[in-house]
Amino acid sequence: MFLASNLKFLRKRRKRTQDEVAFALQLKRSTLNGYEHGVGQPNLDRLVALATYYRFRLDDLVCRDLSRLPESRLQVLEQPVTVISKQ
């Protein structure tokens, strides 16, 4: 499992601070820090929010060591932002 290291890697890849990501996801910075260090585990809703924020599929975020992939491959794996309208 690579969730903790991937969260830290993706945050740094986007040049964001923990405060910025935590604010965007409505988390405490200490909670995000715990996720990045493997101390805490997000529940399913938060895991989906993290995957959506970073635009990666859940299985890639959790099961693949993203830091070992070239930037070109990361760009392919990133999902386009999709807006779902409620009608």
N, C-alpha and C. Protein backbone atom coordinates (compact mmCIF):
# COMPACT_ATOMS: atom_id res chain seq x y z
N MET A 1 0.83 -1.19 0.00
CA MET A 1 0.00 0.00 0.00
C MET A 1 0.87 1.24 0.00
N PHE A 2 0.50 2.20 -0.83
CA PHE A 2 1.32 3.39 -1.02
C PHE A 2 0.56 4.69 -0.73
N LEU A 3 -0.56 4.60 -0.06
CA LEU A 3 -1.39 5.79 0.15
C LEU A 3 -0.61 6.93 0.79
N ALA A 4 0.03 6.69 1.90
CA ALA A 4 0.71 7.76 2.63
C ALA A 4 1.78 8.43 1.76
N SER A 5 2.64 7.65 1.16
CA SER A 5 3.71 8.23 0.35
C SER A 5 3.16 8.92 -0.89
N ASN A 6 2.09 8.37 -1.47
CA ASN A 6 1.50 9.00 -2.65
C ASN A 6 0.86 10.34 -2.31
N LEU A 7 0.21 10.43 -1.16
CA LEU A 7 -0.40 11.70 -0.78
C LEU A 7 0.66 12.79 -0.64
N LYS A 8 1.74 12.46 0.00
CA LYS A 8 2.83 13.43 0.16
C LYS A 8 3.46 13.77 -1.18
N PHE A 9 3.71 12.75 -1.99
CA PHE A 9 4.31 12.96 -3.31
C PHE A 9 3.44 13.86 -4.18
N LEU A 10 2.15 13.57 -4.25
CA LEU A 10 1.26 14.34 -5.11
C LEU A 10 1.11 15.78 -4.62
N ARG A 11 1.09 15.96 -3.30
CA ARG A 11 1.01 17.32 -2.76
C ARG A 11 2.24 18.12 -3.16
N LYS A 12 3.40 17.52 -3.01
CA LYS A 12 4.64 18.22 -3.37
C LYS A 12 4.74 18.42 -4.88
N ARG A 13 4.24 17.47 -5.64
CA ARG A 13 4.24 17.59 -7.11
C ARG A 13 3.44 18.81 -7.54
N ARG A 14 2.38 19.09 -6.82
CA ARG A 14 1.55 20.27 -7.13
C ARG A 14 2.03 21.53 -6.41
N LYS A 15 3.11 21.39 -5.65
CA LYS A 15 3.69 22.53 -4.93
C LYS A 15 2.67 23.16 -3.99
N ARG A 16 2.01 22.31 -3.21
CA ARG A 16 1.02 22.75 -2.23
C ARG A 16 1.52 22.44 -0.83
N THR A 17 1.11 23.24 0.11
CA THR A 17 1.43 22.98 1.51
C THR A 17 0.32 22.10 2.09
N GLN A 18 0.60 21.52 3.24
CA GLN A 18 -0.44 20.75 3.91
C GLN A 18 -1.61 21.64 4.27
N ASP A 19 -1.33 22.87 4.66
CA ASP A 19 -2.42 23.80 5.01
C ASP A 19 -3.34 24.03 3.81
N GLU A 20 -2.76 24.21 2.63
CA GLU A 20 -3.56 24.47 1.42
C GLU A 20 -4.44 23.28 1.07
N VAL A 21 -3.87 22.09 1.10
CA VAL A 21 -4.64 20.89 0.76
C VAL A 21 -5.70 20.63 1.82
N ALA A 22 -5.34 20.75 3.07
CA ALA A 22 -6.30 20.52 4.15
C ALA A 22 -7.47 21.50 4.04
N PHE A 23 -7.18 22.75 3.75
CA PHE A 23 -8.24 23.75 3.59
C PHE A 23 -9.16 23.38 2.43
N ALA A 24 -8.58 22.99 1.30
CA ALA A 24 -9.37 22.65 0.12
C ALA A 24 -10.27 21.45 0.38
N LEU A 25 -9.81 20.52 1.22
CA LEU A 25 -10.57 19.31 1.50
C LEU A 25 -11.36 19.38 2.81
N GLN A 26 -11.32 20.54 3.45
CA GLN A 26 -12.01 20.78 4.71
C GLN A 26 -11.58 19.77 5.78
N LEU A 27 -10.24 19.62 5.90
CA LEU A 27 -9.63 18.76 6.90
C LEU A 27 -8.77 19.61 7.82
N LYS A 28 -8.45 19.08 8.96
CA LYS A 28 -7.43 19.71 9.79
C LYS A 28 -6.07 19.34 9.19
N ARG A 29 -5.12 20.26 9.28
CA ARG A 29 -3.79 19.98 8.77
C ARG A 29 -3.18 18.77 9.46
N SER A 30 -3.44 18.64 10.75
CA SER A 30 -2.89 17.51 11.50
C SER A 30 -3.47 16.18 11.00
N THR A 31 -4.71 16.18 10.55
CA THR A 31 -5.32 14.97 10.00
C THR A 31 -4.63 14.59 8.70
N LEU A 32 -4.44 15.57 7.82
CA LEU A 32 -3.73 15.31 6.57
C LEU A 32 -2.31 14.84 6.83
N ASN A 33 -1.65 15.46 7.78
CA ASN A 33 -0.30 15.06 8.16
C ASN A 33 -0.28 13.59 8.61
N GLY A 34 -1.28 13.20 9.37
CA GLY A 34 -1.38 11.81 9.81
C GLY A 34 -1.55 10.86 8.63
N TYR A 35 -2.35 11.25 7.64
CA TYR A 35 -2.52 10.42 6.45
C TYR A 35 -1.19 10.28 5.70
N GLU A 36 -0.47 11.40 5.57
CA GLU A 36 0.79 11.39 4.82
C GLU A 36 1.88 10.59 5.52
N HIS A 37 1.77 10.44 6.82
CA HIS A 37 2.78 9.70 7.57
C HIS A 37 2.31 8.29 7.97
N GLY A 38 1.14 7.90 7.47
CA GLY A 38 0.64 6.56 7.74
C GLY A 38 0.17 6.32 9.16
N VAL A 39 -0.02 7.41 9.90
CA VAL A 39 -0.49 7.29 11.28
C VAL A 39 -2.01 7.12 11.30
N GLY A 40 -2.69 7.85 10.44
CA GLY A 40 -4.14 7.76 10.33
C GLY A 40 -4.54 7.24 8.97
N GLN A 41 -5.73 6.70 8.89
CA GLN A 41 -6.28 6.20 7.63
C GLN A 41 -7.60 6.92 7.35
N PRO A 42 -7.73 7.47 6.15
CA PRO A 42 -8.99 8.15 5.83
C PRO A 42 -10.13 7.14 5.67
N ASN A 43 -11.32 7.58 6.03
CA ASN A 43 -12.49 6.74 5.75
C ASN A 43 -12.77 6.81 4.25
N LEU A 44 -13.72 6.05 3.79
CA LEU A 44 -13.98 5.96 2.35
C LEU A 44 -14.34 7.31 1.74
N ASP A 45 -15.16 8.09 2.41
CA ASP A 45 -15.54 9.40 1.87
C ASP A 45 -14.33 10.31 1.69
N ARG A 46 -13.44 10.31 2.67
CA ARG A 46 -12.25 11.15 2.58
C ARG A 46 -11.27 10.61 1.54
N LEU A 47 -11.21 9.31 1.43
CA LEU A 47 -10.35 8.71 0.41
C LEU A 47 -10.81 9.10 -0.98
N VAL A 48 -12.10 9.08 -1.20
CA VAL A 48 -12.66 9.52 -2.48
C VAL A 48 -12.36 11.00 -2.70
N ALA A 49 -12.50 11.81 -1.67
CA ALA A 49 -12.21 13.25 -1.79
C ALA A 49 -10.74 13.48 -2.14
N LEU A 50 -9.84 12.72 -1.53
CA LEU A 50 -8.41 12.85 -1.84
C LEU A 50 -8.13 12.44 -3.27
N ALA A 51 -8.71 11.34 -3.71
CA ALA A 51 -8.51 10.88 -5.09
C ALA A 51 -9.06 11.90 -6.08
N THR A 52 -10.20 12.47 -5.77
CA THR A 52 -10.80 13.48 -6.64
C THR A 52 -9.94 14.73 -6.69
N TYR A 53 -9.46 15.16 -5.55
CA TYR A 53 -8.61 16.36 -5.48
C TYR A 53 -7.36 16.19 -6.35
N TYR A 54 -6.72 15.04 -6.23
CA TYR A 54 -5.48 14.80 -6.98
C TYR A 54 -5.75 14.25 -8.38
N ARG A 55 -7.01 13.94 -8.69
CA ARG A 55 -7.43 13.46 -10.01
C ARG A 55 -6.80 12.12 -10.39
N PHE A 56 -6.69 11.23 -9.41
CA PHE A 56 -6.20 9.88 -9.67
C PHE A 56 -7.26 8.89 -9.23
N ARG A 57 -7.31 7.76 -9.91
CA ARG A 57 -8.23 6.70 -9.50
C ARG A 57 -7.83 6.18 -8.13
N LEU A 58 -8.80 5.69 -7.39
CA LEU A 58 -8.54 5.17 -6.05
C LEU A 58 -7.49 4.06 -6.06
N ASP A 59 -7.61 3.14 -7.01
CA ASP A 59 -6.66 2.03 -7.02
C ASP A 59 -5.24 2.51 -7.30
N ASP A 60 -5.07 3.50 -8.16
CA ASP A 60 -3.74 4.05 -8.40
C ASP A 60 -3.21 4.76 -7.16
N LEU A 61 -4.06 5.51 -6.50
CA LEU A 61 -3.67 6.26 -5.32
C LEU A 61 -3.22 5.33 -4.18
N VAL A 62 -3.87 4.21 -4.05
CA VAL A 62 -3.60 3.31 -2.93
C VAL A 62 -2.57 2.23 -3.27
N CYS A 63 -2.63 1.69 -4.46
CA CYS A 63 -1.87 0.47 -4.77
C CYS A 63 -0.62 0.67 -5.64
N ARG A 64 -0.41 1.82 -6.20
CA ARG A 64 0.71 2.03 -7.10
C ARG A 64 1.66 3.08 -6.53
N ASP A 65 2.94 2.82 -6.58
CA ASP A 65 3.93 3.80 -6.11
C ASP A 65 4.11 4.85 -7.20
N LEU A 66 3.36 5.93 -7.07
CA LEU A 66 3.35 6.97 -8.11
C LEU A 66 4.68 7.70 -8.23
N SER A 67 5.45 7.73 -7.17
CA SER A 67 6.73 8.45 -7.21
C SER A 67 7.74 7.77 -8.12
N ARG A 68 7.52 6.54 -8.47
CA ARG A 68 8.46 5.81 -9.33
C ARG A 68 8.11 5.91 -10.81
N LEU A 69 7.02 6.60 -11.11
CA LEU A 69 6.58 6.73 -12.50
C LEU A 69 7.11 8.03 -13.10
N PRO A 70 7.43 8.00 -14.40
CA PRO A 70 7.84 9.25 -15.05
C PRO A 70 6.66 10.22 -15.15
N GLU A 71 6.97 11.48 -15.24
CA GLU A 71 5.94 12.51 -15.31
C GLU A 71 4.97 12.26 -16.46
N SER A 72 5.47 11.78 -17.58
CA SER A 72 4.60 11.52 -18.73
C SER A 72 3.54 10.47 -18.39
N ARG A 73 3.91 9.45 -17.63
CA ARG A 73 2.96 8.42 -17.23
C ARG A 73 1.96 8.96 -16.20
N LEU A 74 2.43 9.80 -15.30
CA LEU A 74 1.53 10.42 -14.32
C LEU A 74 0.46 11.25 -15.01
N GLN A 75 0.86 11.97 -16.05
CA GLN A 75 -0.10 12.79 -16.78
C GLN A 75 -1.15 11.95 -17.47
N VAL A 76 -0.77 10.77 -17.92
CA VAL A 76 -1.73 9.85 -18.55
C VAL A 76 -2.70 9.32 -17.50
N LEU A 77 -2.19 9.02 -16.31
CA LEU A 77 -3.04 8.46 -15.25
C LEU A 77 -4.00 9.47 -14.65
N GLU A 78 -3.64 10.74 -14.70
CA GLU A 78 -4.51 11.77 -14.12
C GLU A 78 -5.83 11.80 -14.87
N GLN A 79 -6.89 11.83 -14.12
CA GLN A 79 -8.22 11.83 -14.68
C GLN A 79 -8.68 13.26 -14.95
N PRO A 80 -9.39 13.46 -16.04
CA PRO A 80 -9.94 14.80 -16.27
C PRO A 80 -10.99 15.13 -15.21
N VAL A 81 -11.11 16.38 -14.91
CA VAL A 81 -12.11 16.82 -13.93
C VAL A 81 -13.49 16.71 -14.58
N THR A 82 -14.39 16.01 -13.91
CA THR A 82 -15.74 15.81 -14.42
C THR A 82 -16.71 16.50 -13.49
N VAL A 83 -17.59 17.29 -14.07
CA VAL A 83 -18.62 17.95 -13.28
C VAL A 83 -19.91 17.17 -13.45
N ILE A 84 -20.48 16.77 -12.34
CA ILE A 84 -21.73 16.02 -12.36
C ILE A 84 -22.85 16.96 -11.92
N SER A 85 -23.80 17.14 -12.79
CA SER A 85 -24.90 18.03 -12.42
C SER A 85 -26.04 17.20 -11.85
N LYS A 86 -26.70 17.77 -10.88
CA LYS A 86 -27.87 17.14 -10.27
C LYS A 86 -29.10 17.72 -10.93
N GLN A 87 -29.87 16.86 -11.56
CA GLN A 87 -31.07 17.35 -12.25
C GLN A 87 -32.31 16.77 -11.67
